[in-house]
Amino acid sequence: MMKIQLSDRALAFLKAEQAYLAKFDKRTALAVVQQLRRSVKLIGEHPHIGAAVDGFEGVRRFVSAPYHVDYIESDGILIVVTIRHGRQAPRQVDTNYPPFGI
């Protein structure tokens, strides 16, 4: 399995999504975080599982419905650059975002 890091943006989304969902149902919030952690682990085990993102060389997207996980490989490390809900408008993928350890 490859080493995995989350960018500040991805980590901030994860924390905000958990806090938002916890207002309504703490079990759902926990389930979403667990789902995304399993997805990130799966990406680490199978780095080419995600589809290439058009227009962004080296960026791949794994869909863990309803979430999209965008990631790159850099120096043998997988960096999750963004996580977003599939109904959110995509933001520009910033492949220079400084990573934050998972």
N, C-alpha and C. Protein backbone atom coordinates (compact mmCIF):
# COMPACT_ATOMS: atom_id res chain seq x y z
N MET A 1 0.84 -1.19 0.00
CA MET A 1 0.00 0.00 0.00
C MET A 1 0.89 1.25 0.00
N MET A 2 0.49 2.22 -0.80
CA MET A 2 1.24 3.47 -0.87
C MET A 2 0.91 4.36 0.33
N LYS A 3 1.86 5.20 0.69
CA LYS A 3 1.61 6.20 1.72
C LYS A 3 0.61 7.21 1.17
N ILE A 4 -0.29 7.67 2.03
CA ILE A 4 -1.35 8.59 1.61
C ILE A 4 -1.31 9.84 2.48
N GLN A 5 -1.51 10.99 1.84
CA GLN A 5 -1.63 12.25 2.56
C GLN A 5 -2.87 12.97 2.08
N LEU A 6 -3.46 13.75 2.98
CA LEU A 6 -4.60 14.60 2.62
C LEU A 6 -4.12 16.04 2.56
N SER A 7 -4.56 16.77 1.53
CA SER A 7 -4.25 18.20 1.48
C SER A 7 -5.06 18.91 2.56
N ASP A 8 -4.67 20.12 2.86
CA ASP A 8 -5.43 20.92 3.83
C ASP A 8 -6.88 21.06 3.38
N ARG A 9 -7.08 21.26 2.08
CA ARG A 9 -8.43 21.44 1.53
C ARG A 9 -9.27 20.17 1.74
N ALA A 10 -8.69 19.01 1.45
CA ALA A 10 -9.42 17.74 1.62
C ALA A 10 -9.75 17.50 3.09
N LEU A 11 -8.79 17.75 3.96
CA LEU A 11 -9.01 17.56 5.39
C LEU A 11 -10.08 18.52 5.90
N ALA A 12 -10.04 19.76 5.45
CA ALA A 12 -11.04 20.75 5.88
C ALA A 12 -12.44 20.32 5.43
N PHE A 13 -12.57 19.80 4.21
CA PHE A 13 -13.86 19.33 3.74
C PHE A 13 -14.36 18.19 4.62
N LEU A 14 -13.48 17.25 4.90
CA LEU A 14 -13.87 16.09 5.71
C LEU A 14 -14.37 16.52 7.08
N LYS A 15 -13.66 17.42 7.72
CA LYS A 15 -14.07 17.91 9.04
C LYS A 15 -15.38 18.68 8.97
N ALA A 16 -15.52 19.54 7.96
CA ALA A 16 -16.75 20.33 7.82
C ALA A 16 -17.95 19.44 7.52
N GLU A 17 -17.76 18.45 6.67
CA GLU A 17 -18.86 17.55 6.31
C GLU A 17 -19.30 16.74 7.53
N GLN A 18 -18.33 16.27 8.31
CA GLN A 18 -18.66 15.52 9.52
C GLN A 18 -19.42 16.40 10.51
N ALA A 19 -18.96 17.63 10.71
CA ALA A 19 -19.63 18.54 11.64
C ALA A 19 -21.04 18.87 11.18
N TYR A 20 -21.21 19.10 9.88
CA TYR A 20 -22.53 19.41 9.34
C TYR A 20 -23.49 18.24 9.53
N LEU A 21 -23.05 17.05 9.15
CA LEU A 21 -23.93 15.88 9.26
C LEU A 21 -24.23 15.52 10.71
N ALA A 22 -23.28 15.76 11.60
CA ALA A 22 -23.47 15.44 13.01
C ALA A 22 -24.59 16.27 13.64
N LYS A 23 -24.88 17.44 13.07
CA LYS A 23 -25.99 18.26 13.58
C LYS A 23 -27.31 17.52 13.45
N PHE A 24 -27.40 16.64 12.46
CA PHE A 24 -28.65 15.95 12.17
C PHE A 24 -28.64 14.50 12.64
N ASP A 25 -27.49 13.84 12.51
CA ASP A 25 -27.40 12.43 12.88
C ASP A 25 -25.93 12.06 13.03
N LYS A 26 -25.52 11.83 14.26
CA LYS A 26 -24.11 11.53 14.53
C LYS A 26 -23.67 10.21 13.90
N ARG A 27 -24.58 9.25 13.84
CA ARG A 27 -24.22 7.96 13.23
C ARG A 27 -23.96 8.12 11.74
N THR A 28 -24.76 8.95 11.09
CA THR A 28 -24.54 9.20 9.66
C THR A 28 -23.20 9.89 9.44
N ALA A 29 -22.89 10.86 10.28
CA ALA A 29 -21.61 11.57 10.17
C ALA A 29 -20.45 10.59 10.31
N LEU A 30 -20.53 9.71 11.27
CA LEU A 30 -19.48 8.72 11.47
C LEU A 30 -19.39 7.76 10.28
N ALA A 31 -20.54 7.35 9.77
CA ALA A 31 -20.57 6.43 8.62
C ALA A 31 -19.92 7.06 7.39
N VAL A 32 -20.17 8.34 7.17
CA VAL A 32 -19.58 9.03 6.01
C VAL A 32 -18.06 9.10 6.15
N VAL A 33 -17.58 9.45 7.33
CA VAL A 33 -16.14 9.52 7.55
C VAL A 33 -15.51 8.14 7.36
N GLN A 34 -16.15 7.11 7.88
CA GLN A 34 -15.63 5.75 7.70
C GLN A 34 -15.63 5.35 6.23
N GLN A 35 -16.68 5.70 5.51
CA GLN A 35 -16.75 5.40 4.07
C GLN A 35 -15.59 6.06 3.33
N LEU A 36 -15.34 7.32 3.62
CA LEU A 36 -14.28 8.04 2.92
C LEU A 36 -12.90 7.51 3.32
N ARG A 37 -12.73 7.12 4.56
CA ARG A 37 -11.45 6.53 4.98
C ARG A 37 -11.20 5.21 4.27
N ARG A 38 -12.25 4.39 4.14
CA ARG A 38 -12.12 3.12 3.40
C ARG A 38 -11.77 3.40 1.94
N SER A 39 -12.40 4.42 1.37
CA SER A 39 -12.14 4.77 -0.02
C SER A 39 -10.69 5.21 -0.22
N VAL A 40 -10.19 6.04 0.68
CA VAL A 40 -8.81 6.50 0.59
C VAL A 40 -7.85 5.32 0.75
N LYS A 41 -8.16 4.42 1.66
CA LYS A 41 -7.33 3.22 1.83
C LYS A 41 -7.33 2.38 0.55
N LEU A 42 -8.49 2.23 -0.07
CA LEU A 42 -8.60 1.48 -1.32
C LEU A 42 -7.76 2.12 -2.42
N ILE A 43 -7.78 3.45 -2.48
CA ILE A 43 -6.96 4.16 -3.46
C ILE A 43 -5.47 3.86 -3.20
N GLY A 44 -5.08 3.83 -1.93
CA GLY A 44 -3.69 3.51 -1.60
C GLY A 44 -3.29 2.11 -2.02
N GLU A 45 -4.23 1.19 -1.97
CA GLU A 45 -3.97 -0.20 -2.37
C GLU A 45 -4.01 -0.37 -3.89
N HIS A 46 -4.81 0.45 -4.56
CA HIS A 46 -4.99 0.37 -6.02
C HIS A 46 -4.94 1.79 -6.61
N PRO A 47 -3.75 2.36 -6.76
CA PRO A 47 -3.62 3.77 -7.14
C PRO A 47 -4.24 4.15 -8.48
N HIS A 48 -4.45 3.21 -9.36
CA HIS A 48 -5.03 3.54 -10.67
C HIS A 48 -6.52 3.23 -10.73
N ILE A 49 -7.15 3.07 -9.58
CA ILE A 49 -8.57 2.73 -9.54
C ILE A 49 -9.44 3.89 -10.03
N GLY A 50 -9.00 5.11 -9.81
CA GLY A 50 -9.78 6.28 -10.23
C GLY A 50 -9.58 6.59 -11.70
N ALA A 51 -10.55 7.28 -12.26
CA ALA A 51 -10.48 7.70 -13.67
C ALA A 51 -9.64 8.97 -13.78
N ALA A 52 -8.92 9.09 -14.89
CA ALA A 52 -8.15 10.31 -15.15
C ALA A 52 -9.11 11.49 -15.29
N VAL A 53 -8.73 12.64 -14.73
CA VAL A 53 -9.55 13.85 -14.81
C VAL A 53 -9.11 14.64 -16.03
N ASP A 54 -10.03 14.86 -16.96
CA ASP A 54 -9.72 15.60 -18.19
C ASP A 54 -9.22 17.00 -17.86
N GLY A 55 -8.15 17.38 -18.52
CA GLY A 55 -7.62 18.74 -18.36
C GLY A 55 -6.64 18.90 -17.21
N PHE A 56 -6.42 17.85 -16.42
CA PHE A 56 -5.51 17.93 -15.28
C PHE A 56 -4.59 16.73 -15.31
N GLU A 57 -3.43 16.91 -15.90
CA GLU A 57 -2.49 15.81 -16.05
C GLU A 57 -2.10 15.21 -14.70
N GLY A 58 -2.22 13.91 -14.58
CA GLY A 58 -1.81 13.20 -13.37
C GLY A 58 -2.87 13.13 -12.29
N VAL A 59 -3.99 13.82 -12.46
CA VAL A 59 -5.05 13.81 -11.45
C VAL A 59 -6.04 12.70 -11.78
N ARG A 60 -6.38 11.93 -10.76
CA ARG A 60 -7.36 10.86 -10.91
C ARG A 60 -8.53 11.13 -9.96
N ARG A 61 -9.70 10.62 -10.31
CA ARG A 61 -10.91 10.81 -9.49
C ARG A 61 -11.52 9.45 -9.19
N PHE A 62 -11.72 9.21 -7.89
CA PHE A 62 -12.41 8.01 -7.44
C PHE A 62 -13.76 8.45 -6.89
N VAL A 63 -14.82 7.82 -7.35
CA VAL A 63 -16.16 8.16 -6.88
C VAL A 63 -16.56 7.16 -5.82
N SER A 64 -16.81 7.67 -4.63
CA SER A 64 -17.34 6.91 -3.52
C SER A 64 -18.67 7.57 -3.20
N ALA A 65 -19.67 7.18 -3.99
CA ALA A 65 -20.96 7.89 -4.02
C ALA A 65 -21.47 8.22 -2.62
N PRO A 66 -21.88 9.46 -2.45
CA PRO A 66 -21.99 10.55 -3.42
C PRO A 66 -20.76 11.45 -3.46
N TYR A 67 -19.62 10.99 -2.96
CA TYR A 67 -18.43 11.84 -2.87
C TYR A 67 -17.44 11.55 -3.99
N HIS A 68 -16.71 12.60 -4.38
CA HIS A 68 -15.64 12.49 -5.38
C HIS A 68 -14.32 12.76 -4.67
N VAL A 69 -13.37 11.88 -4.86
CA VAL A 69 -12.05 12.01 -4.25
C VAL A 69 -11.03 12.18 -5.38
N ASP A 70 -10.41 13.36 -5.46
CA ASP A 70 -9.39 13.64 -6.47
C ASP A 70 -8.02 13.49 -5.84
N TYR A 71 -7.11 12.82 -6.55
CA TYR A 71 -5.80 12.56 -5.98
C TYR A 71 -4.73 12.53 -7.07
N ILE A 72 -3.49 12.70 -6.61
CA ILE A 72 -2.32 12.64 -7.49
C ILE A 72 -1.28 11.74 -6.82
N GLU A 73 -0.32 11.31 -7.62
CA GLU A 73 0.83 10.60 -7.08
C GLU A 73 2.03 11.51 -7.22
N SER A 74 2.77 11.68 -6.15
CA SER A 74 3.95 12.54 -6.16
C SER A 74 5.04 11.88 -5.33
N ASP A 75 6.15 11.57 -5.97
CA ASP A 75 7.29 10.96 -5.28
C ASP A 75 6.89 9.71 -4.49
N GLY A 76 6.05 8.88 -5.07
CA GLY A 76 5.65 7.63 -4.43
C GLY A 76 4.61 7.79 -3.34
N ILE A 77 4.05 8.98 -3.21
CA ILE A 77 3.01 9.24 -2.20
C ILE A 77 1.74 9.64 -2.92
N LEU A 78 0.61 9.09 -2.48
CA LEU A 78 -0.68 9.52 -3.02
C LEU A 78 -1.17 10.69 -2.19
N ILE A 79 -1.51 11.77 -2.87
CA ILE A 79 -2.00 12.97 -2.18
C ILE A 79 -3.44 13.20 -2.61
N VAL A 80 -4.35 13.16 -1.63
CA VAL A 80 -5.75 13.48 -1.89
C VAL A 80 -5.83 15.00 -1.89
N VAL A 81 -6.09 15.56 -3.08
CA VAL A 81 -6.07 17.02 -3.19
C VAL A 81 -7.43 17.64 -2.89
N THR A 82 -8.51 16.94 -3.24
CA THR A 82 -9.85 17.44 -2.93
C THR A 82 -10.80 16.29 -2.68
N ILE A 83 -11.78 16.57 -1.83
CA ILE A 83 -12.93 15.69 -1.63
C ILE A 83 -14.13 16.61 -1.73
N ARG A 84 -15.16 16.18 -2.44
CA ARG A 84 -16.37 17.00 -2.52
C ARG A 84 -17.58 16.10 -2.70
N HIS A 85 -18.73 16.63 -2.33
CA HIS A 85 -19.99 15.95 -2.59
C HIS A 85 -20.27 16.06 -4.08
N GLY A 86 -20.78 15.00 -4.67
CA GLY A 86 -21.02 14.98 -6.11
C GLY A 86 -21.97 16.05 -6.61
N ARG A 87 -22.81 16.60 -5.75
CA ARG A 87 -23.73 17.65 -6.18
C ARG A 87 -23.11 19.04 -6.08
N GLN A 88 -21.93 19.13 -5.52
CA GLN A 88 -21.24 20.42 -5.46
C GLN A 88 -20.54 20.68 -6.78
N ALA A 89 -20.49 21.92 -7.16
CA ALA A 89 -19.78 22.30 -8.39
C ALA A 89 -18.30 22.00 -8.19
N PRO A 90 -17.67 21.41 -9.20
CA PRO A 90 -16.24 21.11 -9.04
C PRO A 90 -15.42 22.39 -8.98
N ARG A 91 -14.44 22.38 -8.10
CA ARG A 91 -13.49 23.49 -8.02
C ARG A 91 -12.28 23.10 -8.85
N GLN A 92 -11.50 24.08 -9.18
CA GLN A 92 -10.27 23.79 -9.91
C GLN A 92 -9.40 22.90 -9.04
N VAL A 93 -8.85 21.87 -9.63
CA VAL A 93 -7.98 20.96 -8.89
C VAL A 93 -6.62 21.63 -8.76
N ASP A 94 -6.18 21.83 -7.54
CA ASP A 94 -4.89 22.47 -7.28
C ASP A 94 -3.88 21.39 -6.92
N THR A 95 -3.05 21.00 -7.87
CA THR A 95 -2.09 19.93 -7.63
C THR A 95 -0.86 20.41 -6.87
N ASN A 96 -0.78 21.69 -6.57
CA ASN A 96 0.35 22.21 -5.80
C ASN A 96 -0.02 22.46 -4.35
N TYR A 97 -1.19 21.99 -3.94
CA TYR A 97 -1.64 22.19 -2.58
C TYR A 97 -0.72 21.46 -1.62
N PRO A 98 -0.27 22.10 -0.54
CA PRO A 98 0.62 21.40 0.38
C PRO A 98 -0.14 20.28 1.11
N PRO A 99 0.43 19.09 1.15
CA PRO A 99 -0.28 17.97 1.77
C PRO A 99 -0.26 18.04 3.29
N PHE A 100 -1.21 17.39 3.88
CA PHE A 100 -1.30 17.25 5.33
C PHE A 100 -1.39 15.76 5.60
N GLY A 101 -0.57 15.26 6.49
CA GLY A 101 -0.53 13.82 6.76
C GLY A 101 -1.84 13.26 7.26
N ILE A 102 -2.15 12.06 6.85
CA ILE A 102 -3.38 11.39 7.29
C ILE A 102 -3.11 10.59 8.54
